[in-house]
Amino acid sequence: MMMGAIFAAGWTIDDVLALTWDQIALVGECIATYRTESISMVAEPVLAALGSSEARGSLSKRSRRAESARRSDLSPEQRDAALVASLRASGFPVT
């Protein structure tokens, strides 16, 4: 499924062959997550307008997640450094 999502996003076979398996998994996961969030962003307000209690619950979960991320013990610089280290560990060249 991940390969299908990667190709559907406009990547070519040459682009994919230049990546390692870990990088392919990361790209596929990012694409799938982005598409899921995009669909949720459109569907949640529509469902909430139609009176769905499930949509209201998921909106509050998202705001709780964002609030807990803001209250993280790490400073923004430390979070950026951790993200860069994670990308480098996956084999992506980060400058």
PDB file of N, CA and C in Angstrom:
ATOM      1  N   MET A   1       0.820  -1.183   0.000  1.00  0.00           N
ATOM      2  CA  MET A   1       0.000   0.000   0.000  1.00  0.00           C
ATOM      3  C   MET A   1       0.870   1.255   0.000  1.00  0.00           C
ATOM      4  N   MET A   2       1.956   1.213   0.744  1.00  0.00           N
ATOM      5  CA  MET A   2       2.811   2.398   0.823  1.00  0.00           C
ATOM      6  C   MET A   2       3.376   2.766  -0.550  1.00  0.00           C
ATOM      7  N   MET A   3       3.768   1.775  -1.313  1.00  0.00           N
ATOM      8  CA  MET A   3       4.323   2.051  -2.635  1.00  0.00           C
ATOM      9  C   MET A   3       3.264   2.695  -3.523  1.00  0.00           C
ATOM     10  N   GLY A   4       2.040   2.219  -3.430  1.00  0.00           N
ATOM     11  CA  GLY A   4       0.958   2.807  -4.204  1.00  0.00           C
ATOM     12  C   GLY A   4       0.720   4.258  -3.820  1.00  0.00           C
ATOM     13  N   ALA A   5       0.782   4.555  -2.526  1.00  0.00           N
ATOM     14  CA  ALA A   5       0.597   5.934  -2.067  1.00  0.00           C
ATOM     15  C   ALA A   5       1.735   6.819  -2.554  1.00  0.00           C
ATOM     16  N   ILE A   6       2.950   6.280  -2.556  1.00  0.00           N
ATOM     17  CA  ILE A   6       4.104   7.055  -3.013  1.00  0.00           C
ATOM     18  C   ILE A   6       3.965   7.382  -4.498  1.00  0.00           C
ATOM     19  N   PHE A   7       3.625   6.373  -5.301  1.00  0.00           N
ATOM     20  CA  PHE A   7       3.486   6.609  -6.737  1.00  0.00           C
ATOM     21  C   PHE A   7       2.293   7.519  -7.038  1.00  0.00           C
ATOM     22  N   ALA A   8       1.218   7.388  -6.272  1.00  0.00           N
ATOM     23  CA  ALA A   8       0.045   8.243  -6.477  1.00  0.00           C
ATOM     24  C   ALA A   8       0.349   9.702  -6.129  1.00  0.00           C
ATOM     25  N   ALA A   9       1.353   9.913  -5.262  1.00  0.00           N
ATOM     26  CA  ALA A   9       1.731  11.276  -4.880  1.00  0.00           C
ATOM     27  C   ALA A   9       2.626  11.935  -5.921  1.00  0.00           C
ATOM     28  N   GLY A  10       2.990  11.192  -6.977  1.00  0.00           N
ATOM     29  CA  GLY A  10       3.758  11.794  -8.051  1.00  0.00           C
ATOM     30  C   GLY A  10       5.224  11.391  -8.094  1.00  0.00           C
ATOM     31  N   TRP A  11       5.641  10.505  -7.216  1.00  0.00           N
ATOM     32  CA  TRP A  11       7.020  10.036  -7.237  1.00  0.00           C
ATOM     33  C   TRP A  11       7.209   9.092  -8.423  1.00  0.00           C
ATOM     34  N   THR A  12       8.408   9.080  -8.977  1.00  0.00           N
ATOM     35  CA  THR A  12       8.710   8.163 -10.074  1.00  0.00           C
ATOM     36  C   THR A  12       9.462   6.958  -9.533  1.00  0.00           C
ATOM     37  N   ILE A  13       9.598   5.935 -10.347  1.00  0.00           N
ATOM     38  CA  ILE A  13      10.319   4.734  -9.933  1.00  0.00           C
ATOM     39  C   ILE A  13      11.785   5.064  -9.659  1.00  0.00           C
ATOM     40  N   ASP A  14      12.357   6.010 -10.407  1.00  0.00           N
ATOM     41  CA  ASP A  14      13.741   6.415 -10.162  1.00  0.00           C
ATOM     42  C   ASP A  14      13.888   7.097  -8.807  1.00  0.00           C
ATOM     43  N   ASP A  15      12.891   7.898  -8.437  1.00  0.00           N
ATOM     44  CA  ASP A  15      12.921   8.549  -7.126  1.00  0.00           C
ATOM     45  C   ASP A  15      12.913   7.510  -6.007  1.00  0.00           C
ATOM     46  N   VAL A  16      12.070   6.509  -6.155  1.00  0.00           N
ATOM     47  CA  VAL A  16      11.920   5.491  -5.113  1.00  0.00           C
ATOM     48  C   VAL A  16      13.152   4.589  -5.049  1.00  0.00           C
ATOM     49  N   LEU A  17      13.724   4.257  -6.203  1.00  0.00           N
ATOM     50  CA  LEU A  17      14.900   3.377  -6.213  1.00  0.00           C
ATOM     51  C   LEU A  17      16.119   4.035  -5.575  1.00  0.00           C
ATOM     52  N   ALA A  18      16.120   5.348  -5.474  1.00  0.00           N
ATOM     53  CA  ALA A  18      17.238   6.057  -4.858  1.00  0.00           C
ATOM     54  C   ALA A  18      17.152   6.048  -3.330  1.00  0.00           C
ATOM     55  N   LEU A  19      16.071   5.512  -2.763  1.00  0.00           N
ATOM     56  CA  LEU A  19      15.861   5.518  -1.321  1.00  0.00           C
ATOM     57  C   LEU A  19      16.156   4.158  -0.706  1.00  0.00           C
ATOM     58  N   THR A  20      16.425   4.152   0.605  1.00  0.00           N
ATOM     59  CA  THR A  20      16.562   2.898   1.341  1.00  0.00           C
ATOM     60  C   THR A  20      15.166   2.449   1.774  1.00  0.00           C
ATOM     61  N   TRP A  21      15.074   1.231   2.298  1.00  0.00           N
ATOM     62  CA  TRP A  21      13.773   0.722   2.750  1.00  0.00           C
ATOM     63  C   TRP A  21      13.209   1.575   3.877  1.00  0.00           C
ATOM     64  N   ASP A  22      14.071   2.020   4.795  1.00  0.00           N
ATOM     65  CA  ASP A  22      13.603   2.871   5.895  1.00  0.00           C
ATOM     66  C   ASP A  22      13.055   4.191   5.367  1.00  0.00           C
ATOM     67  N   GLN A  23      13.726   4.760   4.380  1.00  0.00           N
ATOM     68  CA  GLN A  23      13.266   6.012   3.802  1.00  0.00           C
ATOM     69  C   GLN A  23      11.945   5.826   3.065  1.00  0.00           C
ATOM     70  N   ILE A  24      11.818   4.726   2.345  1.00  0.00           N
ATOM     71  CA  ILE A  24      10.561   4.446   1.636  1.00  0.00           C
ATOM     72  C   ILE A  24       9.423   4.313   2.637  1.00  0.00           C
ATOM     73  N   ALA A  25       9.671   3.624   3.744  1.00  0.00           N
ATOM     74  CA  ALA A  25       8.638   3.462   4.777  1.00  0.00           C
ATOM     75  C   ALA A  25       8.254   4.811   5.366  1.00  0.00           C
ATOM     76  N   LEU A  26       9.248   5.656   5.617  1.00  0.00           N
ATOM     77  CA  LEU A  26       8.973   6.978   6.188  1.00  0.00           C
ATOM     78  C   LEU A  26       8.171   7.836   5.216  1.00  0.00           C
ATOM     79  N   VAL A  27       8.563   7.848   3.955  1.00  0.00           N
ATOM     80  CA  VAL A  27       7.848   8.649   2.947  1.00  0.00           C
ATOM     81  C   VAL A  27       6.413   8.148   2.827  1.00  0.00           C
ATOM     82  N   GLY A  28       6.228   6.846   2.755  1.00  0.00           N
ATOM     83  CA  GLY A  28       4.880   6.295   2.641  1.00  0.00           C
ATOM     84  C   GLY A  28       4.023   6.628   3.843  1.00  0.00           C
ATOM     85  N   GLU A  29       4.616   6.540   5.031  1.00  0.00           N
ATOM     86  CA  GLU A  29       3.881   6.855   6.248  1.00  0.00           C
ATOM     87  C   GLU A  29       3.501   8.334   6.294  1.00  0.00           C
ATOM     88  N   CYS A  30       4.420   9.201   5.880  1.00  0.00           N
ATOM     89  CA  CYS A  30       4.129  10.642   5.860  1.00  0.00           C
ATOM     90  C   CYS A  30       3.004  10.968   4.879  1.00  0.00           C
ATOM     91  N   ILE A  31       3.042  10.352   3.721  1.00  0.00           N
ATOM     92  CA  ILE A  31       1.997  10.594   2.722  1.00  0.00           C
ATOM     93  C   ILE A  31       0.650  10.100   3.235  1.00  0.00           C
ATOM     94  N   ALA A  32       0.629   8.906   3.820  1.00  0.00           N
ATOM     95  CA  ALA A  32      -0.625   8.357   4.342  1.00  0.00           C
ATOM     96  C   ALA A  32      -1.170   9.213   5.488  1.00  0.00           C
ATOM     97  N   THR A  33      -0.292   9.670   6.375  1.00  0.00           N
ATOM     98  CA  THR A  33      -0.716  10.508   7.492  1.00  0.00           C
ATOM     99  C   THR A  33      -1.271  11.835   6.993  1.00  0.00           C
ATOM    100  N   TYR A  34      -0.584  12.435   6.028  1.00  0.00           N
ATOM    101  CA  TYR A  34      -1.037  13.711   5.471  1.00  0.00           C
ATOM    102  C   TYR A  34      -2.422  13.565   4.836  1.00  0.00           C
ATOM    103  N   ARG A  35      -2.604  12.511   4.071  1.00  0.00           N
ATOM    104  CA  ARG A  35      -3.905  12.316   3.412  1.00  0.00           C
ATOM    105  C   ARG A  35      -5.009  12.055   4.426  1.00  0.00           C
ATOM    106  N   THR A  36      -4.703  11.289   5.462  1.00  0.00           N
ATOM    107  CA  THR A  36      -5.686  11.016   6.503  1.00  0.00           C
ATOM    108  C   THR A  36      -6.083  12.297   7.222  1.00  0.00           C
ATOM    109  N   GLU A  37      -5.089  13.119   7.557  1.00  0.00           N
ATOM    110  CA  GLU A  37      -5.393  14.379   8.235  1.00  0.00           C
ATOM    111  C   GLU A  37      -6.172  15.327   7.319  1.00  0.00           C
ATOM    112  N   SER A  38      -5.861  15.319   6.035  1.00  0.00           N
ATOM    113  CA  SER A  38      -6.589  16.174   5.092  1.00  0.00           C
ATOM    114  C   SER A  38      -8.056  15.772   5.010  1.00  0.00           C
ATOM    115  N   ILE A  39      -8.298  14.479   4.952  1.00  0.00           N
ATOM    116  CA  ILE A  39      -9.675  13.993   4.899  1.00  0.00           C
ATOM    117  C   ILE A  39     -10.397  14.317   6.198  1.00  0.00           C
ATOM    118  N   SER A  40      -9.726  14.133   7.331  1.00  0.00           N
ATOM    119  CA  SER A  40     -10.333  14.443   8.623  1.00  0.00           C
ATOM    120  C   SER A  40     -10.644  15.924   8.754  1.00  0.00           C
ATOM    121  N   MET A  41      -9.747  16.757   8.245  1.00  0.00           N
ATOM    122  CA  MET A  41      -9.940  18.202   8.339  1.00  0.00           C
ATOM    123  C   MET A  41     -11.213  18.620   7.598  1.00  0.00           C
ATOM    124  N   VAL A  42     -11.524  17.954   6.518  1.00  0.00           N
ATOM    125  CA  VAL A  42     -12.730  18.278   5.754  1.00  0.00           C
ATOM    126  C   VAL A  42     -13.953  17.602   6.366  1.00  0.00           C
ATOM    127  N   ALA A  43     -13.791  16.353   6.783  1.00  0.00           N
ATOM    128  CA  ALA A  43     -14.944  15.579   7.245  1.00  0.00           C
ATOM    129  C   ALA A  43     -15.436  15.981   8.634  1.00  0.00           C
ATOM    130  N   GLU A  44     -14.541  16.339   9.545  1.00  0.00           N
ATOM    131  CA  GLU A  44     -14.955  16.631  10.924  1.00  0.00           C
ATOM    132  C   GLU A  44     -15.929  17.802  11.024  1.00  0.00           C
ATOM    133  N   PRO A  45     -15.661  18.943  10.375  1.00  0.00           N
ATOM    134  CA  PRO A  45     -16.654  20.028  10.472  1.00  0.00           C
ATOM    135  C   PRO A  45     -18.001  19.655   9.850  1.00  0.00           C
ATOM    136  N   VAL A  46     -17.962  18.899   8.766  1.00  0.00           N
ATOM    137  CA  VAL A  46     -19.214  18.481   8.129  1.00  0.00           C
ATOM    138  C   VAL A  46     -19.995  17.568   9.070  1.00  0.00           C
ATOM    139  N   LEU A  47     -19.304  16.591   9.667  1.00  0.00           N
ATOM    140  CA  LEU A  47     -19.974  15.684  10.591  1.00  0.00           C
ATOM    141  C   LEU A  47     -20.476  16.419  11.836  1.00  0.00           C
ATOM    142  N   ALA A  48     -19.684  17.362  12.334  1.00  0.00           N
ATOM    143  CA  ALA A  48     -20.112  18.136  13.500  1.00  0.00           C
ATOM    144  C   ALA A  48     -21.347  18.969  13.170  1.00  0.00           C
ATOM    145  N   ALA A  49     -21.388  19.530  11.960  1.00  0.00           N
ATOM    146  CA  ALA A  49     -22.550  20.321  11.547  1.00  0.00           C
ATOM    147  C   ALA A  49     -23.792  19.452  11.423  1.00  0.00           C
ATOM    148  N   LEU A  50     -23.582  18.180  11.104  1.00  0.00           N
ATOM    149  CA  LEU A  50     -24.712  17.262  10.991  1.00  0.00           C
ATOM    150  C   LEU A  50     -25.108  16.660  12.327  1.00  0.00           C
ATOM    151  N   GLY A  51     -24.364  17.016  13.392  1.00  0.00           N
ATOM    152  CA  GLY A  51     -24.736  16.586  14.732  1.00  0.00           C
ATOM    153  C   GLY A  51     -24.059  15.326  15.214  1.00  0.00           C
ATOM    154  N   SER A  52     -22.995  14.926  14.597  1.00  0.00           N
ATOM    155  CA  SER A  52     -22.301  13.713  15.015  1.00  0.00           C
ATOM    156  C   SER A  52     -21.529  13.968  16.301  1.00  0.00           C
ATOM    157  N   SER A  53     -21.773  13.171  17.318  1.00  0.00           N
ATOM    158  CA  SER A  53     -21.054  13.323  18.581  1.00  0.00           C
ATOM    159  C   SER A  53     -19.622  12.798  18.454  1.00  0.00           C
ATOM    160  N   GLU A  54     -19.394  11.862  17.535  1.00  0.00           N
ATOM    161  CA  GLU A  54     -18.048  11.321  17.321  1.00  0.00           C
ATOM    162  C   GLU A  54     -17.102  12.390  16.796  1.00  0.00           C
ATOM    163  N   ALA A  55     -17.577  13.241  15.920  1.00  0.00           N
ATOM    164  CA  ALA A  55     -16.741  14.307  15.354  1.00  0.00           C
ATOM    165  C   ALA A  55     -16.345  15.298  16.435  1.00  0.00           C
ATOM    166  N   ARG A  56     -17.272  15.602  17.337  1.00  0.00           N
ATOM    167  CA  ARG A  56     -16.947  16.542  18.413  1.00  0.00           C
ATOM    168  C   ARG A  56     -15.898  15.950  19.335  1.00  0.00           C
ATOM    169  N   GLY A  57     -15.965  14.664  19.588  1.00  0.00           N
ATOM    170  CA  GLY A  57     -14.978  14.011  20.444  1.00  0.00           C
ATOM    171  C   GLY A  57     -13.598  14.012  19.823  1.00  0.00           C
ATOM    172  N   SER A  58     -13.494  13.791  18.520  1.00  0.00           N
ATOM    173  CA  SER A  58     -12.187  13.758  17.881  1.00  0.00           C
ATOM    174  C   SER A  58     -11.573  15.148  17.805  1.00  0.00           C
ATOM    175  N   LEU A  59     -12.402  16.179  17.718  1.00  0.00           N
ATOM    176  CA  LEU A  59     -11.859  17.531  17.730  1.00  0.00           C
ATOM    177  C   LEU A  59     -11.219  17.835  19.075  1.00  0.00           C
ATOM    178  N   SER A  60     -11.849  17.388  20.145  1.00  0.00           N
ATOM    179  CA  SER A  60     -11.272  17.653  21.461  1.00  0.00           C
ATOM    180  C   SER A  60     -10.000  16.833  21.674  1.00  0.00           C
ATOM    181  N   LYS A  61      -9.938  15.626  21.110  1.00  0.00           N
ATOM    182  CA  LYS A  61      -8.718  14.829  21.220  1.00  0.00           C
ATOM    183  C   LYS A  61      -7.560  15.530  20.521  1.00  0.00           C
ATOM    184  N   ARG A  62      -7.837  16.105  19.349  1.00  0.00           N
ATOM    185  CA  ARG A  62      -6.794  16.805  18.606  1.00  0.00           C
ATOM    186  C   ARG A  62      -6.292  18.004  19.412  1.00  0.00           C
ATOM    187  N   SER A  63      -7.207  18.762  20.017  1.00  0.00           N
ATOM    188  CA  SER A  63      -6.776  19.932  20.779  1.00  0.00           C
ATOM    189  C   SER A  63      -6.000  19.514  22.018  1.00  0.00           C
ATOM    190  N   ARG A  64      -6.375  18.381  22.646  1.00  0.00           N
ATOM    191  CA  ARG A  64      -5.612  17.885  23.796  1.00  0.00           C
ATOM    192  C   ARG A  64      -4.215  17.468  23.377  1.00  0.00           C
ATOM    193  N   ARG A  65      -4.093  16.812  22.210  1.00  0.00           N
ATOM    194  CA  ARG A  65      -2.777  16.410  21.709  1.00  0.00           C
ATOM    195  C   ARG A  65      -1.905  17.621  21.439  1.00  0.00           C
ATOM    196  N   ALA A  66      -2.486  18.652  20.839  1.00  0.00           N
ATOM    197  CA  ALA A  66      -1.728  19.863  20.536  1.00  0.00           C
ATOM    198  C   ALA A  66      -1.301  20.564  21.816  1.00  0.00           C
ATOM    199  N   GLU A  67      -2.184  20.570  22.825  1.00  0.00           N
ATOM    200  CA  GLU A  67      -1.847  21.208  24.096  1.00  0.00           C
ATOM    201  C   GLU A  67      -0.733  20.454  24.807  1.00  0.00           C
ATOM    202  N   SER A  68      -0.773  19.131  24.781  1.00  0.00           N
ATOM    203  CA  SER A  68       0.281  18.362  25.440  1.00  0.00           C
ATOM    204  C   SER A  68       1.606  18.525  24.705  1.00  0.00           C
ATOM    205  N   ALA A  69       1.563  18.701  23.387  1.00  0.00           N
ATOM    206  CA  ALA A  69       2.788  18.939  22.634  1.00  0.00           C
ATOM    207  C   ALA A  69       3.370  20.299  22.987  1.00  0.00           C
ATOM    208  N   ARG A  70       2.507  21.263  23.234  1.00  0.00           N
ATOM    209  CA  ARG A  70       2.987  22.595  23.607  1.00  0.00           C
ATOM    210  C   ARG A  70       3.618  22.587  24.993  1.00  0.00           C
ATOM    211  N   ARG A  71       3.099  21.729  25.897  1.00  0.00           N
ATOM    212  CA  ARG A  71       3.613  21.678  27.263  1.00  0.00           C
ATOM    213  C   ARG A  71       4.800  20.742  27.406  1.00  0.00           C
ATOM    214  N   SER A  72       5.364  20.324  26.317  1.00  0.00           N
ATOM    215  CA  SER A  72       6.491  19.410  26.335  1.00  0.00           C
ATOM    216  C   SER A  72       7.646  20.000  27.134  1.00  0.00           C
ATOM    217  N   ASP A  73       8.446  19.121  27.740  1.00  0.00           N
ATOM    218  CA  ASP A  73       9.592  19.559  28.524  1.00  0.00           C
ATOM    219  C   ASP A  73      10.723  20.069  27.647  1.00  0.00           C
ATOM    220  N   LEU A  74      10.685  19.764  26.356  1.00  0.00           N
ATOM    221  CA  LEU A  74      11.754  20.180  25.460  1.00  0.00           C
ATOM    222  C   LEU A  74      11.503  21.585  24.924  1.00  0.00           C
ATOM    223  N   SER A  75      12.574  22.328  24.774  1.00  0.00           N
ATOM    224  CA  SER A  75      12.463  23.651  24.159  1.00  0.00           C
ATOM    225  C   SER A  75      12.314  23.451  22.645  1.00  0.00           C
ATOM    226  N   PRO A  76      11.865  24.467  21.941  1.00  0.00           N
ATOM    227  CA  PRO A  76      11.743  24.328  20.483  1.00  0.00           C
ATOM    228  C   PRO A  76      13.061  23.967  19.809  1.00  0.00           C
ATOM    229  N   GLU A  77      14.152  24.505  20.311  1.00  0.00           N
ATOM    230  CA  GLU A  77      15.461  24.187  19.728  1.00  0.00           C
ATOM    231  C   GLU A  77      15.799  22.713  19.925  1.00  0.00           C
ATOM    232  N   GLN A  78      15.470  22.181  21.111  1.00  0.00           N
ATOM    233  CA  GLN A  78      15.733  20.763  21.386  1.00  0.00           C
ATOM    234  C   GLN A  78      14.856  19.863  20.522  1.00  0.00           C
ATOM    235  N   ARG A  79      13.602  20.261  20.299  1.00  0.00           N
ATOM    236  CA  ARG A  79      12.724  19.474  19.431  1.00  0.00           C
ATOM    237  C   ARG A  79      13.223  19.484  18.000  1.00  0.00           C
ATOM    238  N   ASP A  80      13.690  20.663  17.533  1.00  0.00           N
ATOM    239  CA  ASP A  80      14.248  20.752  16.179  1.00  0.00           C
ATOM    240  C   ASP A  80      15.483  19.879  16.043  1.00  0.00           C
ATOM    241  N   ALA A  81      16.350  19.899  17.058  1.00  0.00           N
ATOM    242  CA  ALA A  81      17.564  19.086  17.023  1.00  0.00           C
ATOM    243  C   ALA A  81      17.217  17.596  16.999  1.00  0.00           C
ATOM    244  N   ALA A  82      16.199  17.201  17.762  1.00  0.00           N
ATOM    245  CA  ALA A  82      15.780  15.801  17.771  1.00  0.00           C
ATOM    246  C   ALA A  82      15.205  15.396  16.416  1.00  0.00           C
ATOM    247  N   LEU A  83      14.445  16.279  15.780  1.00  0.00           N
ATOM    248  CA  LEU A  83      13.886  15.986  14.468  1.00  0.00           C
ATOM    249  C   LEU A  83      14.984  15.833  13.425  1.00  0.00           C
ATOM    250  N   VAL A  84      15.961  16.737  13.448  1.00  0.00           N
ATOM    251  CA  VAL A  84      17.077  16.663  12.502  1.00  0.00           C
ATOM    252  C   VAL A  84      17.863  15.381  12.719  1.00  0.00           C
ATOM    253  N   ALA A  85      18.095  15.017  13.974  1.00  0.00           N
ATOM    254  CA  ALA A  85      18.818  13.779  14.273  1.00  0.00           C
ATOM    255  C   ALA A  85      18.045  12.560  13.777  1.00  0.00           C
ATOM    256  N   SER A  86      16.724  12.585  13.915  1.00  0.00           N
ATOM    257  CA  SER A  86      15.891  11.477  13.442  1.00  0.00           C
ATOM    258  C   SER A  86      15.954  11.354  11.924  1.00  0.00           C
ATOM    259  N   LEU A  87      15.904  12.492  11.237  1.00  0.00           N
ATOM    260  CA  LEU A  87      15.986  12.465   9.769  1.00  0.00           C
ATOM    261  C   LEU A  87      17.351  11.981   9.303  1.00  0.00           C
ATOM    262  N   ARG A  88      18.416  12.428   9.978  1.00  0.00           N
ATOM    263  CA  ARG A  88      19.764  11.971   9.613  1.00  0.00           C
ATOM    264  C   ARG A  88      19.915  10.474   9.848  1.00  0.00           C
ATOM    265  N   ALA A  89      19.328   9.980  10.948  1.00  0.00           N
ATOM    266  CA  ALA A  89      19.410   8.551  11.260  1.00  0.00           C
ATOM    267  C   ALA A  89      18.675   7.719  10.199  1.00  0.00           C
ATOM    268  N   SER A  90      17.666   8.296   9.573  1.00  0.00           N
ATOM    269  CA  SER A  90      16.928   7.602   8.530  1.00  0.00           C
ATOM    270  C   SER A  90      17.661   7.632   7.190  1.00  0.00           C
ATOM    271  N   GLY A  91      18.735   8.440   7.113  1.00  0.00           N
ATOM    272  CA  GLY A  91      19.524   8.475   5.906  1.00  0.00           C
ATOM    273  C   GLY A  91      19.268   9.663   5.012  1.00  0.00           C
ATOM    274  N   PHE A  92      18.422  10.598   5.462  1.00  0.00           N
ATOM    275  CA  PHE A  92      18.175  11.786   4.666  1.00  0.00           C
ATOM    276  C   PHE A  92      19.286  12.795   4.908  1.00  0.00           C
ATOM    277  N   PRO A  93      19.831  13.375   3.866  1.00  0.00           N
ATOM    278  CA  PRO A  93      20.873  14.396   4.075  1.00  0.00           C
ATOM    279  C   PRO A  93      20.228  15.698   4.545  1.00  0.00           C
ATOM    280  N   VAL A  94      20.627  16.160   5.715  1.00  0.00           N
ATOM    281  CA  VAL A  94      20.069  17.388   6.290  1.00  0.00           C
ATOM    282  C   VAL A  94      21.203  18.381   6.462  1.00  0.00           C
ATOM    283  N   THR A  95      21.011  19.569   5.925  1.00  0.00           N
ATOM    284  CA  THR A  95      22.053  20.602   6.055  1.00  0.00           C
ATOM    285  C   THR A  95      21.622  21.682   6.991  1.00  0.00           C
TER     286      THR A  95
END
